[in-house]
Amino acid sequence: MVNKFELNLSGAQWRRSASSDESAVEVALLDDGVAVRDARRPDGDVLFFTPAEWDAFVGGAKDGEFDL
């Protein structure tokens, strides 16, 4: 796991779904991966995913792996 203080998030452009509310997560595409944070706590913890990890997550979501 990458420490958020080791990530350079100064130029990150955080995005969230247009259909989401303030309780959504935000993602930022970085040169070396993807950062994810809680939109309600922008100064809180940040999760970092490598491109391979993010691709696996998105693929799983599209395949219904996380459906309840």
Protein backbone atom coordinates (compact mmCIF):
# COMPACT_ATOMS: atom_id res chain seq x y z
CA MET A 1 0.00 0.00 0.00
CA VAL A 2 1.24 3.47 -0.85
CA ASN A 3 1.25 6.10 1.86
CA LYS A 4 -0.85 9.08 0.74
CA PHE A 5 2.00 11.38 1.73
CA GLU A 6 4.19 9.62 -0.85
CA LEU A 7 1.67 10.38 -3.62
CA ASN A 8 1.85 13.66 -5.47
CA LEU A 9 -1.82 14.67 -5.54
CA SER A 10 -1.22 18.39 -6.07
CA GLY A 11 -2.35 18.35 -9.70
CA ALA A 12 -4.95 15.60 -9.32
CA GLN A 13 -8.28 16.24 -11.00
CA TRP A 14 -10.85 14.51 -8.81
CA ARG A 15 -13.99 13.25 -10.52
CA ARG A 16 -17.22 11.62 -9.45
CA SER A 17 -20.26 10.35 -11.24
CA ALA A 18 -22.63 13.08 -12.40
CA SER A 19 -25.49 11.11 -10.87
CA SER A 20 -23.85 10.84 -7.44
CA ASP A 21 -24.40 12.93 -4.35
CA GLU A 22 -21.88 14.23 -1.84
CA SER A 23 -21.58 10.78 -0.24
CA ALA A 24 -19.86 9.43 -3.36
CA VAL A 25 -16.26 8.45 -3.91
CA GLU A 26 -13.99 10.48 -6.14
CA VAL A 27 -11.28 9.15 -8.42
CA ALA A 28 -8.22 10.80 -9.90
CA LEU A 29 -6.24 9.34 -12.78
CA LEU A 30 -2.53 9.66 -12.02
CA ASP A 31 0.52 8.92 -14.16
CA ASP A 32 1.19 5.68 -12.29
CA GLY A 33 -2.31 4.58 -11.24
CA VAL A 34 -5.63 5.67 -9.80
CA ALA A 35 -6.34 7.42 -6.49
CA VAL A 36 -9.71 7.07 -4.74
CA ARG A 37 -11.08 9.11 -1.84
CA ASP A 38 -14.30 9.79 0.06
CA ALA A 39 -15.90 12.93 -1.40
CA ARG A 40 -17.12 13.94 2.07
CA ARG A 41 -13.59 13.83 3.46
CA PRO A 42 -11.28 15.16 0.76
CA ASP A 43 -8.45 15.57 3.28
CA GLY A 44 -8.88 12.01 4.55
CA ASP A 45 -7.32 8.76 3.47
CA VAL A 46 -6.60 8.06 -0.18
CA LEU A 47 -6.53 4.59 -1.70
CA PHE A 48 -4.09 4.01 -4.56
CA PHE A 49 -4.44 1.34 -7.23
CA THR A 50 -1.94 0.34 -9.88
CA PRO A 51 -3.28 0.25 -13.45
CA ALA A 52 -3.54 -3.56 -13.28
CA GLU A 53 -5.44 -3.44 -9.98
CA TRP A 54 -7.84 -0.80 -11.31
CA ASP A 55 -8.43 -2.74 -14.53
CA ALA A 56 -9.22 -5.87 -12.48
CA PHE A 57 -11.66 -3.93 -10.31
CA VAL A 58 -13.45 -2.30 -13.25
CA GLY A 59 -13.59 -5.63 -15.09
CA GLY A 60 -15.07 -7.32 -12.01
CA ALA A 61 -17.68 -4.59 -11.64
CA LYS A 62 -18.66 -4.92 -15.31
CA ASP A 63 -18.90 -8.72 -14.94
CA GLY A 64 -21.16 -8.44 -11.89
CA GLU A 65 -18.66 -9.86 -9.40
CA PHE A 66 -19.75 -7.38 -6.75
CA ASP A 67 -23.52 -7.56 -7.25
CA LEU A 68 -25.43 -8.23 -4.06
